[in-house]
N, C-alpha and C. Protein backbone atom coordinates (compact mmCIF):
# COMPACT_ATOMS: atom_id res chain seq x y z
N MET A 1 0.51 -1.28 0.24
CA MET A 1 0.34 -0.21 0.03
C MET A 1 0.56 0.73 0.00
N SER A 2 0.80 1.55 -1.06
CA SER A 2 1.22 3.54 -1.55
C SER A 2 0.65 4.31 -1.08
N GLY A 3 1.41 5.12 -0.84
CA GLY A 3 0.74 6.90 -0.45
C GLY A 3 0.61 7.46 1.21
N VAL A 4 0.14 8.33 1.45
CA VAL A 4 -0.10 8.94 2.02
C VAL A 4 -1.17 9.34 2.92
N TRP A 5 -1.97 8.69 4.33
CA TRP A 5 -2.63 9.11 5.18
C TRP A 5 -3.19 10.13 5.68
N VAL A 6 -4.15 10.94 4.86
CA VAL A 6 -4.12 12.76 5.10
C VAL A 6 -6.03 12.61 6.09
N PHE A 7 -5.33 13.97 7.16
CA PHE A 7 -6.71 13.39 8.15
C PHE A 7 -7.03 15.35 7.96
N LYS A 8 -7.97 15.45 7.18
CA LYS A 8 -8.40 16.47 6.82
C LYS A 8 -10.22 17.23 7.50
N ASN A 9 -10.86 17.45 8.05
CA ASN A 9 -11.83 18.05 8.51
C ASN A 9 -12.64 16.37 8.73
N GLY A 10 -11.70 15.61 10.02
CA GLY A 10 -12.85 14.93 10.53
C GLY A 10 -12.89 13.69 9.45
N VAL A 11 -11.81 13.47 8.18
CA VAL A 11 -12.17 12.53 8.03
C VAL A 11 -10.97 11.57 7.15
N VAL A 12 -10.50 10.88 7.18
CA VAL A 12 -9.15 10.20 7.38
C VAL A 12 -9.32 9.56 5.78
N ARG A 13 -8.59 10.00 4.88
CA ARG A 13 -8.19 9.50 3.54
C ARG A 13 -7.09 9.11 2.92
N LEU A 14 -6.83 7.65 2.31
CA LEU A 14 -5.34 7.36 1.56
C LEU A 14 -5.40 8.68 0.31
N VAL A 15 -4.14 9.22 0.74
CA VAL A 15 -3.97 9.75 -0.65
C VAL A 15 -2.72 8.73 -1.68
N GLU A 16 -2.66 8.31 -2.54
CA GLU A 16 -1.75 7.31 -3.28
C GLU A 16 -0.54 8.43 -4.11
N ASN A 17 0.66 7.71 -3.68
CA ASN A 17 1.50 8.60 -4.23
C ASN A 17 1.94 7.86 -5.73
N PRO A 18 1.34 8.11 -6.74
CA PRO A 18 1.55 7.54 -7.81
C PRO A 18 3.22 8.07 -9.01
N ALA A 19 3.92 9.04 -7.95
CA ALA A 19 5.51 9.21 -8.08
C ALA A 19 5.84 8.45 -8.08
N ALA A 20 6.02 7.01 -7.00
CA ALA A 20 6.71 6.25 -7.16
C ALA A 20 6.56 5.63 -7.06
N GLU A 21 5.27 4.94 -7.79
CA GLU A 21 5.15 3.86 -8.83
C GLU A 21 6.31 4.42 -10.22
N THR A 22 7.00 4.09 -9.94
CA THR A 22 8.00 5.08 -11.48
C THR A 22 8.92 3.65 -12.80
N THR A 23 8.74 3.17 -13.82
CA THR A 23 9.72 2.12 -14.83
C THR A 23 11.42 2.28 -14.42
N VAL A 24 11.68 1.94 -14.76
CA VAL A 24 13.32 2.34 -15.16
C VAL A 24 14.16 3.15 -16.10
N ASP A 25 13.13 3.47 -16.45
CA ASP A 25 12.93 4.46 -17.73
C ASP A 25 12.35 6.18 -17.42
N GLY A 26 11.79 5.98 -16.21
CA GLY A 26 11.32 6.92 -15.50
C GLY A 26 10.03 7.46 -15.95
N SER A 27 9.26 6.85 -16.35
CA SER A 27 8.02 6.78 -16.84
C SER A 27 7.18 6.47 -15.82
N ARG A 28 5.62 6.79 -15.72
CA ARG A 28 5.24 6.60 -14.53
C ARG A 28 4.62 5.27 -15.13
N GLN A 29 4.20 4.62 -13.76
CA GLN A 29 3.69 3.55 -14.20
C GLN A 29 2.61 3.32 -12.72
N MET A 30 0.83 3.59 -13.81
CA MET A 30 0.02 2.92 -12.63
C MET A 30 -0.26 1.40 -11.98
N ARG A 31 -0.47 1.63 -10.62
CA ARG A 31 -0.91 0.51 -10.31
C ARG A 31 -2.24 0.41 -10.40
N ARG A 32 -3.02 -0.76 -10.57
CA ARG A 32 -4.49 -0.73 -10.24
C ARG A 32 -5.00 -1.78 -9.29
N LYS A 33 -5.34 -1.17 -8.27
CA LYS A 33 -5.49 -1.64 -7.00
C LYS A 33 -7.15 -2.98 -7.41
N VAL A 34 -7.28 -3.92 -6.79
CA VAL A 34 -8.48 -4.38 -7.35
C VAL A 34 -9.21 -4.87 -5.17
N LEU A 35 -9.96 -5.27 -5.30
CA LEU A 35 -10.44 -5.95 -3.86
C LEU A 35 -11.02 -7.10 -4.16
N VAL A 36 -10.37 -8.13 -3.01
CA VAL A 36 -10.23 -9.16 -2.60
C VAL A 36 -10.62 -9.70 -1.69
N TYR A 37 -11.87 -11.14 -2.40
CA TYR A 37 -12.90 -11.28 -1.05
C TYR A 37 -11.74 -12.44 -0.72
N ARG A 38 -11.26 -12.99 1.11
CA ARG A 38 -10.00 -13.44 1.24
C ARG A 38 -10.72 -14.64 1.25
N PRO A 39 -11.38 -14.98 1.55
CA PRO A 39 -12.12 -16.70 2.28
C PRO A 39 -11.90 -17.85 0.75
N SER A 40 -12.17 -17.23 -0.69
CA SER A 40 -11.76 -17.57 -1.57
C SER A 40 -11.20 -17.10 -2.94
N ASN A 41 -10.14 -16.37 -2.16
CA ASN A 41 -9.34 -15.61 -2.99
C ASN A 41 -9.82 -14.81 -4.16
N GLU A 42 -11.00 -14.36 -3.88
CA GLU A 42 -11.89 -13.59 -5.88
C GLU A 42 -11.81 -12.31 -5.86
N VAL A 43 -11.39 -11.60 -6.69
CA VAL A 43 -11.41 -10.38 -6.96
C VAL A 43 -12.72 -10.02 -7.29
N MET A 44 -13.10 -8.29 -6.91
CA MET A 44 -14.24 -8.42 -6.76
C MET A 44 -14.17 -7.33 -7.74
N ALA A 45 -14.50 -8.17 -8.78
CA ALA A 45 -14.93 -7.14 -10.23
C ALA A 45 -16.35 -7.01 -10.62
N SER A 46 -17.25 -7.00 -9.78
CA SER A 46 -18.16 -6.42 -10.13
C SER A 46 -19.27 -5.71 -8.96
N TYR A 47 -19.92 -5.04 -8.90
CA TYR A 47 -21.04 -4.65 -7.56
C TYR A 47 -21.61 -5.88 -7.55
N ALA A 48 -22.71 -7.31 -8.60
CA ALA A 48 -23.57 -7.87 -8.15
C ALA A 48 -22.13 -9.28 -7.04
N ALA A 49 -21.01 -8.81 -7.82
CA ALA A 49 -20.22 -9.56 -6.73
C ALA A 49 -19.96 -9.45 -5.35
N LEU A 50 -20.14 -8.60 -5.42
CA LEU A 50 -19.70 -7.77 -4.10
C LEU A 50 -20.89 -7.84 -3.52
N GLU A 51 -21.86 -7.24 -3.91
CA GLU A 51 -22.60 -6.95 -2.86
C GLU A 51 -23.56 -8.73 -2.10
N ARG A 52 -23.02 -10.07 -2.90
CA ARG A 52 -23.59 -11.17 -2.95
C ARG A 52 -22.29 -11.75 -1.43
N LYS A 53 -21.11 -11.70 -1.31
CA LYS A 53 -20.59 -11.18 -0.44
C LYS A 53 -20.65 -10.47 0.83
N LEU A 54 -20.70 -9.47 0.67
CA LEU A 54 -21.36 -8.83 1.50
C LEU A 54 -23.32 -8.99 2.35
N SER A 55 -23.65 -9.25 1.27
CA SER A 55 -25.42 -10.13 1.81
C SER A 55 -24.53 -11.32 3.27
N GLY A 56 -24.15 -11.92 2.49
CA GLY A 56 -23.74 -13.31 3.34
C GLY A 56 -22.30 -13.16 4.35
N LEU A 57 -22.44 -11.85 4.99
CA LEU A 57 -21.91 -10.81 5.74
C LEU A 57 -22.48 -10.87 6.67
N GLY A 58 -23.82 -10.24 6.85
CA GLY A 58 -24.69 -9.69 7.31
C GLY A 58 -25.22 -8.42 6.85
N TRP A 59 -24.13 -8.17 5.82
CA TRP A 59 -24.83 -6.69 5.29
C TRP A 59 -26.28 -6.13 4.21
N GLU A 60 -27.08 -5.53 4.71
CA GLU A 60 -28.31 -5.29 3.73
C GLU A 60 -28.43 -3.76 3.29
N ARG A 61 -28.42 -4.12 2.02
CA ARG A 61 -28.43 -2.78 0.84
C ARG A 61 -29.37 -2.11 1.69
N TYR A 62 -29.47 -1.01 1.27
CA TYR A 62 -30.02 0.56 0.97
C TYR A 62 -30.76 0.87 -0.19
N TYR A 63 -31.69 1.57 -0.12
CA TYR A 63 -31.86 1.97 -1.63
C TYR A 63 -32.68 3.38 -1.50
N GLU A 64 -32.31 4.05 -0.82
CA GLU A 64 -32.92 5.57 -0.48
C GLU A 64 -32.53 6.81 -1.11
N ASP A 65 -31.10 6.46 -1.33
CA ASP A 65 -29.77 7.16 -2.45
C ASP A 65 -29.82 7.01 -3.74
N PRO A 66 -30.74 7.00 -4.99
CA PRO A 66 -30.16 6.61 -6.01
C PRO A 66 -29.40 6.77 -6.41
N HIS A 67 -28.03 7.45 -6.21
CA HIS A 67 -26.90 7.91 -6.35
C HIS A 67 -25.67 7.00 -6.07
N LEU A 68 -26.45 6.48 -5.58
CA LEU A 68 -24.85 5.68 -4.41
C LEU A 68 -25.48 4.41 -4.21
N LEU A 69 -24.43 3.60 -4.21
CA LEU A 69 -24.77 2.29 -3.18
C LEU A 69 -24.23 1.35 -1.77
N GLN A 70 -25.38 1.85 -0.91
CA GLN A 70 -25.36 1.49 0.47
C GLN A 70 -25.31 0.57 0.86
N PHE A 71 -24.78 -0.29 1.84
CA PHE A 71 -24.72 -0.75 3.12
C PHE A 71 -24.59 -0.67 4.04
N HIS A 72 -25.42 -1.29 5.07
CA HIS A 72 -25.60 -1.35 6.03
C HIS A 72 -25.55 -3.04 7.10
N LYS A 73 -25.22 -3.06 7.96
CA LYS A 73 -25.34 -3.84 8.78
C LYS A 73 -25.70 -3.68 10.16
N SER A 74 -26.65 -4.18 10.48
CA SER A 74 -27.64 -3.93 11.92
C SER A 74 -27.26 -3.85 12.80
N SER A 75 -26.12 -4.87 13.00
CA SER A 75 -25.42 -4.99 15.10
C SER A 75 -23.92 -4.24 14.43
N THR A 76 -24.41 -2.99 13.87
CA THR A 76 -23.59 -2.28 14.18
C THR A 76 -23.69 -0.88 13.69
N ILE A 77 -23.00 0.27 13.31
CA ILE A 77 -23.21 1.79 12.95
C ILE A 77 -22.78 1.75 11.68
N HIS A 78 -21.99 0.84 10.94
CA HIS A 78 -21.66 1.08 10.24
C HIS A 78 -22.47 1.42 9.41
N LEU A 79 -22.13 1.57 8.00
CA LEU A 79 -22.13 2.15 6.61
C LEU A 79 -20.97 1.96 5.42
N ILE A 80 -21.53 1.47 4.78
CA ILE A 80 -20.82 1.47 3.75
C ILE A 80 -21.62 2.16 2.25
N SER A 81 -20.76 2.80 1.48
CA SER A 81 -21.17 3.96 0.90
C SER A 81 -20.04 3.66 -0.43
N LEU A 82 -21.37 3.77 -1.67
CA LEU A 82 -19.85 3.37 -2.69
C LEU A 82 -20.96 4.51 -4.22
N PRO A 83 -20.09 4.69 -5.07
CA PRO A 83 -20.53 5.04 -5.84
C PRO A 83 -21.14 3.99 -6.76
N LYS A 84 -22.50 4.66 -7.79
CA LYS A 84 -22.97 3.67 -8.52
C LYS A 84 -22.54 3.21 -9.32
N ASP A 85 -21.44 3.47 -10.23
CA ASP A 85 -20.70 3.25 -11.14
C ASP A 85 -19.59 2.52 -10.74
N PHE A 86 -19.96 1.69 -11.54
CA PHE A 86 -18.56 0.43 -10.91
C PHE A 86 -16.60 1.15 -11.19
N CYS A 87 -17.09 1.97 -12.35
CA CYS A 87 -15.99 2.72 -12.60
C CYS A 87 -14.95 3.52 -11.88
N LYS A 88 -15.98 4.22 -11.33
CA LYS A 88 -15.77 5.01 -10.05
C LYS A 88 -15.50 4.87 -8.64
N PHE A 89 -15.26 3.01 -8.59
CA PHE A 89 -14.82 2.33 -7.70
C PHE A 89 -13.60 2.04 -7.31
N LYS A 90 -13.15 3.45 -6.81
CA LYS A 90 -11.70 4.14 -5.83
C LYS A 90 -11.35 2.99 -5.28
N SER A 91 -9.55 2.90 -4.49
CA SER A 91 -9.29 2.79 -3.55
C SER A 91 -9.66 2.35 -2.23
N ILE A 92 -9.96 4.01 -2.07
CA ILE A 92 -10.60 4.79 -0.90
C ILE A 92 -12.23 3.19 -0.32
N HIS A 93 -12.61 3.64 -1.09
CA HIS A 93 -13.95 2.77 -1.33
C HIS A 93 -13.45 1.81 -0.83
N MET A 94 -12.45 0.99 -1.45
CA MET A 94 -12.04 -0.30 -1.05
C MET A 94 -11.00 -0.75 0.34
N TYR A 95 -10.87 0.31 0.54
CA TYR A 95 -9.92 0.69 2.04
C TYR A 95 -10.64 0.46 2.92
N ASP A 96 -12.08 0.83 2.87
CA ASP A 96 -12.94 1.62 3.45
C ASP A 96 -13.95 -0.33 3.76
N ILE A 97 -14.47 -0.61 2.69
CA ILE A 97 -15.07 -2.02 2.79
C ILE A 97 -13.68 -2.82 3.69
N VAL A 98 -12.44 -2.67 4.02
CA VAL A 98 -11.78 -3.71 4.77
C VAL A 98 -11.53 -3.47 5.43
N VAL A 99 -12.35 -2.14 6.28
CA VAL A 99 -11.88 -1.72 7.80
C VAL A 99 -13.10 -2.55 8.38
N LYS A 100 -14.00 -2.30 7.83
CA LYS A 100 -15.18 -2.93 7.87
C LYS A 100 -15.61 -4.15 8.34
N ASN A 101 -14.36 -5.27 7.47
CA ASN A 101 -15.11 -6.14 6.81
C ASN A 101 -13.89 -7.23 7.48
N ARG A 102 -12.69 -7.29 8.71
CA ARG A 102 -11.55 -7.62 9.08
C ARG A 102 -11.59 -8.42 8.59
N ASN A 103 -10.63 -8.79 8.12
CA ASN A 103 -10.21 -10.24 7.91
C ASN A 103 -11.07 -11.41 6.78
N MET A 104 -11.60 -10.32 5.64
CA MET A 104 -12.50 -10.58 4.87
C MET A 104 -12.12 -10.60 3.49
N PHE A 105 -11.31 -9.29 3.57
CA PHE A 105 -11.24 -8.25 2.27
C PHE A 105 -9.63 -7.63 2.18
N GLU A 106 -9.30 -7.67 1.15
CA GLU A 106 -8.18 -7.43 1.13
C GLU A 106 -7.51 -6.34 0.35
N VAL A 107 -7.17 -5.20 -0.05
CA VAL A 107 -6.86 -4.88 -1.03
C VAL A 107 -5.45 -4.89 -1.98
N ARG A 108 -5.54 -5.20 -2.85
CA ARG A 108 -4.10 -5.96 -3.35
C ARG A 108 -3.74 -5.05 -5.40
N ASP A 109 -2.19 -5.27 -5.13
CA ASP A 109 -1.81 -4.44 -6.48
C ASP A 109 -2.65 -5.49 -7.41
N MET A 110 -2.92 -4.67 -8.72
CA MET A 110 -2.71 -6.36 -9.52
C MET A 110 -1.74 -5.91 -10.77
């Protein structure tokens, strides 16, 4: 995990450092992050796959905001909010899932 954790306005987020990931010739190489479900070593390649895993862990889908996919676990105060478009699913969303589901998910460089 490369980057710097930034605390701003009461929110902690990871700011990735693309300059640290360069090739031998000096050009930048962007590493894509993927969310992996650890028990089966499965890469979450769609929201459908992610929703199946989260529901199996006790997360329930909220349908109140049409611009977000939201999940809530009734035994906690946690809420997972994701952009509706999977193309906008970034590493910050992945780490949010990892933190709220310890030992079940991890973020890997692809």
